[in-house]
Amino acid sequence: MQSAPEGDGLAHLVDLIGALRSARTDSSLHATVEELDAEGRSMRSYEVRAGTEQGTHEFDCTGRRPSDKFSFVYSPGESTLVVTEAVGAPHRRINVFRLPSSPPVLGMLSPLDLPIWGGQYDGARVTESAAASAGVIRLEFGNKDAPREASQRGHTLIDLELGVVVELGYFGSRFVAGNVRTIPYLRGLWQ
């Protein structure tokens, strides 16, 4: 892929969209995402899976407190979110029509589903784009109603080869993805 000239925000966005489209594979994406506090200490850890063979986007969360242990399974085909708030607790099934954005870890493996693009249901919109390093684009975003207000701003670092967000500063929280990998589907293996 040809890189955009330095300072050309539109060309960076075009590179980004092309990379995200070409990163779609017949594989499931997996990553470990850490939610960090202001001092950079881990508050919670998420094992995230996107595009599973069942077509779901999922995560399991662990943290310091018992209330930090929960899981989400989002099924776009059924427009449902299944939430389990504790080990052994009953599941709650919620009807939803789009990828949940709180916490935003599911969108890190599906960047176009993050609520930062200025769409009807998004709370933010992209205000700037620039190359952060080789193969990584940085997007700055702000609240749709006050995009330049400092307390309402955030950023993403998107790896163009993997097509995933590797860092997300999201309205006061910071999320960092590590150990990102694709796992090919094993279709027909058990048939």
C-alpha atoms as a PDB file:
ATOM      1  CA  MET A   1       0.000   0.000   0.000  1.00  0.00           C
ATOM      2  CA  GLN A   2       1.291   3.418  -0.881  1.00  0.00           C
ATOM      3  CA  SER A   3       1.576   5.847   1.999  1.00  0.00           C
ATOM      4  CA  ALA A   4      -0.013   9.270   2.002  1.00  0.00           C
ATOM      5  CA  PRO A   5       2.238  12.329   1.997  1.00  0.00           C
ATOM      6  CA  GLU A   6       2.945  13.773   5.443  1.00  0.00           C
ATOM      7  CA  GLY A   7       0.219  16.187   6.549  1.00  0.00           C
ATOM      8  CA  ASP A   8      -2.412  14.901   4.102  1.00  0.00           C
ATOM      9  CA  GLY A   9      -5.252  13.928   6.476  1.00  0.00           C
ATOM     10  CA  LEU A  10      -7.688  12.863   3.760  1.00  0.00           C
ATOM     11  CA  ALA A  11      -5.116  10.580   2.177  1.00  0.00           C
ATOM     12  CA  HIS A  12      -4.409   9.038   5.609  1.00  0.00           C
ATOM     13  CA  LEU A  13      -8.110   8.278   5.996  1.00  0.00           C
ATOM     14  CA  VAL A  14      -8.204   6.720   2.524  1.00  0.00           C
ATOM     15  CA  ASP A  15      -5.193   4.550   3.460  1.00  0.00           C
ATOM     16  CA  LEU A  16      -6.958   3.593   6.681  1.00  0.00           C
ATOM     17  CA  ILE A  17     -10.208   2.564   5.009  1.00  0.00           C
ATOM     18  CA  GLY A  18      -8.337   0.545   2.391  1.00  0.00           C
ATOM     19  CA  ALA A  19      -6.304  -1.215   5.077  1.00  0.00           C
ATOM     20  CA  LEU A  20      -9.372  -2.018   7.175  1.00  0.00           C
ATOM     21  CA  ARG A  21     -11.189  -3.465   4.173  1.00  0.00           C
ATOM     22  CA  SER A  22      -8.207  -5.601   3.126  1.00  0.00           C
ATOM     23  CA  ALA A  23      -7.618  -6.791   6.710  1.00  0.00           C
ATOM     24  CA  ARG A  24     -10.947  -8.647   6.696  1.00  0.00           C
ATOM     25  CA  THR A  25     -10.112 -12.320   6.593  1.00  0.00           C
ATOM     26  CA  ASP A  26     -11.713 -15.688   7.001  1.00  0.00           C
ATOM     27  CA  SER A  27     -10.225 -15.735  10.483  1.00  0.00           C
ATOM     28  CA  SER A  28     -11.150 -14.692  13.970  1.00  0.00           C
ATOM     29  CA  LEU A  29      -9.221 -11.851  15.606  1.00  0.00           C
ATOM     30  CA  HIS A  30      -8.066 -12.236  19.201  1.00  0.00           C
ATOM     31  CA  ALA A  31      -6.289  -9.758  21.491  1.00  0.00           C
ATOM     32  CA  THR A  32      -5.618  -8.898  25.095  1.00  0.00           C
ATOM     33  CA  VAL A  33      -6.648  -5.331  25.918  1.00  0.00           C
ATOM     34  CA  GLU A  34      -5.529  -3.553  29.080  1.00  0.00           C
ATOM     35  CA  GLU A  35      -7.550  -0.670  30.517  1.00  0.00           C
ATOM     36  CA  LEU A  36      -5.110   1.712  32.191  1.00  0.00           C
ATOM     37  CA  ASP A  37      -5.584   4.409  34.809  1.00  0.00           C
ATOM     38  CA  ALA A  38      -4.062   7.909  34.577  1.00  0.00           C
ATOM     39  CA  GLU A  39      -0.737   6.626  35.999  1.00  0.00           C
ATOM     40  CA  GLY A  40      -0.569   3.787  33.457  1.00  0.00           C
ATOM     41  CA  ARG A  41      -1.487   1.001  35.898  1.00  0.00           C
ATOM     42  CA  SER A  42      -3.731  -1.796  34.683  1.00  0.00           C
ATOM     43  CA  MET A  43      -7.291  -1.511  36.010  1.00  0.00           C
ATOM     44  CA  ARG A  44      -8.896  -4.288  33.963  1.00  0.00           C
ATOM     45  CA  SER A  45      -7.855  -6.832  31.384  1.00  0.00           C
ATOM     46  CA  TYR A  46     -10.061  -8.008  28.510  1.00  0.00           C
ATOM     47  CA  GLU A  47      -9.658 -11.120  26.373  1.00  0.00           C
ATOM     48  CA  VAL A  48     -11.331  -9.978  23.162  1.00  0.00           C
ATOM     49  CA  ARG A  49     -12.479 -12.103  20.216  1.00  0.00           C
ATOM     50  CA  ALA A  50     -14.017 -10.653  17.061  1.00  0.00           C
ATOM     51  CA  GLY A  51     -15.506 -12.346  14.047  1.00  0.00           C
ATOM     52  CA  THR A  52     -15.682 -15.776  15.602  1.00  0.00           C
ATOM     53  CA  GLU A  53     -16.920 -18.716  13.562  1.00  0.00           C
ATOM     54  CA  GLN A  54     -20.346 -18.051  15.079  1.00  0.00           C
ATOM     55  CA  GLY A  55     -20.137 -14.450  13.851  1.00  0.00           C
ATOM     56  CA  THR A  56     -19.963 -13.006  17.355  1.00  0.00           C
ATOM     57  CA  HIS A  57     -17.792 -10.336  18.980  1.00  0.00           C
ATOM     58  CA  GLU A  58     -16.941 -11.253  22.575  1.00  0.00           C
ATOM     59  CA  PHE A  59     -14.837 -10.371  25.580  1.00  0.00           C
ATOM     60  CA  ASP A  60     -14.149 -11.628  29.073  1.00  0.00           C
ATOM     61  CA  CYS A  61     -13.094  -8.999  31.600  1.00  0.00           C
ATOM     62  CA  THR A  62     -11.003  -9.463  34.716  1.00  0.00           C
ATOM     63  CA  GLY A  63      -9.893  -6.804  37.149  1.00  0.00           C
ATOM     64  CA  ARG A  64      -8.928  -6.069  40.711  1.00  0.00           C
ATOM     65  CA  ARG A  65     -12.454  -6.133  42.127  1.00  0.00           C
ATOM     66  CA  PRO A  66     -15.033  -8.951  41.902  1.00  0.00           C
ATOM     67  CA  SER A  67     -17.359  -6.527  40.070  1.00  0.00           C
ATOM     68  CA  ASP A  68     -14.725  -6.307  37.300  1.00  0.00           C
ATOM     69  CA  LYS A  69     -15.335  -9.913  36.245  1.00  0.00           C
ATOM     70  CA  PHE A  70     -17.944 -10.003  33.476  1.00  0.00           C
ATOM     71  CA  SER A  71     -18.371 -10.969  29.844  1.00  0.00           C
ATOM     72  CA  PHE A  72     -20.159  -9.712  26.728  1.00  0.00           C
ATOM     73  CA  VAL A  73     -21.163 -11.701  23.657  1.00  0.00           C
ATOM     74  CA  TYR A  74     -22.556  -9.566  20.831  1.00  0.00           C
ATOM     75  CA  SER A  75     -24.267 -11.336  17.951  1.00  0.00           C
ATOM     76  CA  PRO A  76     -24.886  -8.932  15.049  1.00  0.00           C
ATOM     77  CA  GLY A  77     -26.927 -11.538  13.151  1.00  0.00           C
ATOM     78  CA  GLU A  78     -29.384 -11.808  16.035  1.00  0.00           C
ATOM     79  CA  SER A  79     -29.011  -8.175  17.209  1.00  0.00           C
ATOM     80  CA  THR A  80     -28.431  -9.392  20.762  1.00  0.00           C
ATOM     81  CA  LEU A  81     -25.952  -8.814  23.536  1.00  0.00           C
ATOM     82  CA  VAL A  82     -25.578 -11.475  26.218  1.00  0.00           C
ATOM     83  CA  VAL A  83     -24.048 -10.138  29.430  1.00  0.00           C
ATOM     84  CA  THR A  84     -22.758 -12.322  32.253  1.00  0.00           C
ATOM     85  CA  GLU A  85     -21.914 -10.196  35.273  1.00  0.00           C
ATOM     86  CA  ALA A  86     -20.192 -12.839  37.413  1.00  0.00           C
ATOM     87  CA  VAL A  87     -19.071 -16.431  37.202  1.00  0.00           C
ATOM     88  CA  GLY A  88     -22.143 -18.613  37.620  1.00  0.00           C
ATOM     89  CA  ALA A  89     -24.533 -15.651  37.378  1.00  0.00           C
ATOM     90  CA  PRO A  90     -27.489 -15.868  35.014  1.00  0.00           C
ATOM     91  CA  HIS A  91     -27.077 -14.335  31.572  1.00  0.00           C
ATOM     92  CA  ARG A  92     -28.947 -11.188  30.572  1.00  0.00           C
ATOM     93  CA  ARG A  93     -30.013 -11.040  26.928  1.00  0.00           C
ATOM     94  CA  ILE A  94     -30.451  -7.513  25.563  1.00  0.00           C
ATOM     95  CA  ASN A  95     -31.687  -6.549  22.111  1.00  0.00           C
ATOM     96  CA  VAL A  96     -29.186  -4.169  20.490  1.00  0.00           C
ATOM     97  CA  PHE A  97     -28.900  -2.977  16.917  1.00  0.00           C
ATOM     98  CA  ARG A  98     -25.180  -2.193  16.793  1.00  0.00           C
ATOM     99  CA  LEU A  99     -21.865  -3.078  18.399  1.00  0.00           C
ATOM    100  CA  PRO A 100     -21.868  -1.953  22.057  1.00  0.00           C
ATOM    101  CA  SER A 101     -19.470   0.929  22.701  1.00  0.00           C
ATOM    102  CA  SER A 102     -19.154   0.753  26.459  1.00  0.00           C
ATOM    103  CA  PRO A 103     -16.596  -0.463  27.214  1.00  0.00           C
ATOM    104  CA  PRO A 104     -15.148   0.224  23.744  1.00  0.00           C
ATOM    105  CA  VAL A 105     -12.891  -2.860  23.601  1.00  0.00           C
ATOM    106  CA  LEU A 106     -15.014  -4.729  21.018  1.00  0.00           C
ATOM    107  CA  GLY A 107     -14.589  -1.838  18.599  1.00  0.00           C
ATOM    108  CA  MET A 108     -10.814  -2.024  18.897  1.00  0.00           C
ATOM    109  CA  LEU A 109     -10.876  -5.126  16.685  1.00  0.00           C
ATOM    110  CA  SER A 110     -13.470  -3.565  14.393  1.00  0.00           C
ATOM    111  CA  PRO A 111     -12.428   0.115  14.154  1.00  0.00           C
ATOM    112  CA  LEU A 112     -15.215   1.205  11.819  1.00  0.00           C
ATOM    113  CA  ASP A 113     -17.655   0.189  14.590  1.00  0.00           C
ATOM    114  CA  LEU A 114     -16.131   2.570  17.140  1.00  0.00           C
ATOM    115  CA  PRO A 115     -18.508   5.462  17.915  1.00  0.00           C
ATOM    116  CA  ILE A 116     -16.008   8.071  16.675  1.00  0.00           C
ATOM    117  CA  TRP A 117     -16.995   8.573  13.030  1.00  0.00           C
ATOM    118  CA  GLY A 118     -19.748  11.162  13.489  1.00  0.00           C
ATOM    119  CA  GLY A 119     -22.610   8.854  12.579  1.00  0.00           C
ATOM    120  CA  GLN A 120     -26.159   9.173  13.846  1.00  0.00           C
ATOM    121  CA  TYR A 121     -25.519   7.098  16.984  1.00  0.00           C
ATOM    122  CA  ASP A 122     -21.890   8.128  17.533  1.00  0.00           C
ATOM    123  CA  GLY A 123     -20.989  10.473  20.351  1.00  0.00           C
ATOM    124  CA  ALA A 124     -17.801  11.661  18.643  1.00  0.00           C
ATOM    125  CA  ARG A 125     -16.321  12.482  15.270  1.00  0.00           C
ATOM    126  CA  VAL A 126     -12.819  12.329  13.828  1.00  0.00           C
ATOM    127  CA  THR A 127     -11.188  15.759  13.702  1.00  0.00           C
ATOM    128  CA  GLU A 128      -7.641  14.921  12.548  1.00  0.00           C
ATOM    129  CA  SER A 129      -5.616  12.086  11.053  1.00  0.00           C
ATOM    130  CA  ALA A 130      -1.862  11.682  10.674  1.00  0.00           C
ATOM    131  CA  ALA A 131       0.775   9.013  10.280  1.00  0.00           C
ATOM    132  CA  ALA A 132       1.978   8.067  13.785  1.00  0.00           C
ATOM    133  CA  SER A 133       4.756   5.743  12.608  1.00  0.00           C
ATOM    134  CA  ALA A 134       5.343   3.288   9.789  1.00  0.00           C
ATOM    135  CA  GLY A 135       2.074   1.443   9.236  1.00  0.00           C
ATOM    136  CA  VAL A 136       0.195   3.212  12.048  1.00  0.00           C
ATOM    137  CA  ILE A 137      -2.321   6.035  11.687  1.00  0.00           C
ATOM    138  CA  ARG A 138      -3.354   8.282  14.557  1.00  0.00           C
ATOM    139  CA  LEU A 139      -6.881   9.651  14.596  1.00  0.00           C
ATOM    140  CA  GLU A 140      -7.933  12.441  16.927  1.00  0.00           C
ATOM    141  CA  PHE A 141     -11.620  12.726  17.731  1.00  0.00           C
ATOM    142  CA  GLY A 142     -13.886  14.866  19.855  1.00  0.00           C
ATOM    143  CA  ASN A 143     -17.427  15.061  21.103  1.00  0.00           C
ATOM    144  CA  LYS A 144     -19.789  15.757  18.191  1.00  0.00           C
ATOM    145  CA  ASP A 145     -21.223  18.796  19.957  1.00  0.00           C
ATOM    146  CA  ALA A 146     -17.885  20.181  21.206  1.00  0.00           C
ATOM    147  CA  PRO A 147     -15.135  18.562  19.097  1.00  0.00           C
ATOM    148  CA  ARG A 148     -12.327  20.878  20.266  1.00  0.00           C
ATOM    149  CA  GLU A 149     -13.106  20.845  24.008  1.00  0.00           C
ATOM    150  CA  ALA A 150     -10.041  19.246  25.634  1.00  0.00           C
ATOM    151  CA  SER A 151     -11.977  17.164  28.178  1.00  0.00           C
ATOM    152  CA  GLN A 152     -14.096  15.676  25.373  1.00  0.00           C
ATOM    153  CA  ARG A 153     -11.249  14.524  23.110  1.00  0.00           C
ATOM    154  CA  GLY A 154      -9.665  11.167  22.442  1.00  0.00           C
ATOM    155  CA  HIS A 155      -7.390   9.349  20.011  1.00  0.00           C
ATOM    156  CA  THR A 156      -6.791   6.017  18.331  1.00  0.00           C
ATOM    157  CA  LEU A 157      -3.672   4.401  16.951  1.00  0.00           C
ATOM    158  CA  ILE A 158      -4.652   2.003  14.172  1.00  0.00           C
ATOM    159  CA  ASP A 159      -2.260  -0.651  12.867  1.00  0.00           C
ATOM    160  CA  LEU A 160      -2.803  -0.727   9.091  1.00  0.00           C
ATOM    161  CA  GLU A 161      -1.418  -4.238   8.613  1.00  0.00           C
ATOM    162  CA  LEU A 162      -3.657  -5.829  11.243  1.00  0.00           C
ATOM    163  CA  GLY A 163      -6.586  -3.436  10.752  1.00  0.00           C
ATOM    164  CA  VAL A 164      -7.070  -3.004  14.515  1.00  0.00           C
ATOM    165  CA  VAL A 165      -6.810  -0.251  17.104  1.00  0.00           C
ATOM    166  CA  VAL A 166      -3.681  -0.821  19.191  1.00  0.00           C
ATOM    167  CA  GLU A 167      -4.330   2.155  21.503  1.00  0.00           C
ATOM    168  CA  LEU A 168      -7.488   4.053  22.313  1.00  0.00           C
ATOM    169  CA  GLY A 169      -7.802   7.141  24.483  1.00  0.00           C
ATOM    170  CA  TYR A 170     -11.540   7.326  25.018  1.00  0.00           C
ATOM    171  CA  PHE A 171     -12.976  10.174  27.112  1.00  0.00           C
ATOM    172  CA  GLY A 172     -10.736   9.690  30.142  1.00  0.00           C
ATOM    173  CA  SER A 173      -9.894   5.994  29.734  1.00  0.00           C
ATOM    174  CA  ARG A 174      -6.913   4.483  27.932  1.00  0.00           C
ATOM    175  CA  PHE A 175      -6.985   1.027  26.350  1.00  0.00           C
ATOM    176  CA  VAL A 176      -3.942  -0.756  24.887  1.00  0.00           C
ATOM    177  CA  ALA A 177      -4.178  -3.919  22.772  1.00  0.00           C
ATOM    178  CA  GLY A 178      -1.445  -6.527  22.842  1.00  0.00           C
ATOM    179  CA  ASN A 179      -0.921 -10.047  21.596  1.00  0.00           C
ATOM    180  CA  VAL A 180      -3.161  -9.371  18.577  1.00  0.00           C
ATOM    181  CA  ARG A 181      -3.473 -12.457  16.401  1.00  0.00           C
ATOM    182  CA  THR A 182      -5.679 -14.055  13.794  1.00  0.00           C
ATOM    183  CA  ILE A 183      -6.936 -17.579  14.269  1.00  0.00           C
ATOM    184  CA  PRO A 184      -8.130 -19.320  11.091  1.00  0.00           C
ATOM    185  CA  TYR A 185     -11.539 -20.918  11.163  1.00  0.00           C
ATOM    186  CA  LEU A 186     -11.555 -24.696  11.430  1.00  0.00           C
ATOM    187  CA  ARG A 187     -14.589 -25.228   9.223  1.00  0.00           C
ATOM    188  CA  GLY A 188     -15.436 -28.818   8.484  1.00  0.00           C
ATOM    189  CA  LEU A 189     -12.764 -30.180  10.831  1.00  0.00           C
ATOM    190  CA  TRP A 190     -15.304 -31.997  13.009  1.00  0.00           C
ATOM    191  CA  GLN A 191     -17.697 -33.058  10.245  1.00  0.00           C
END
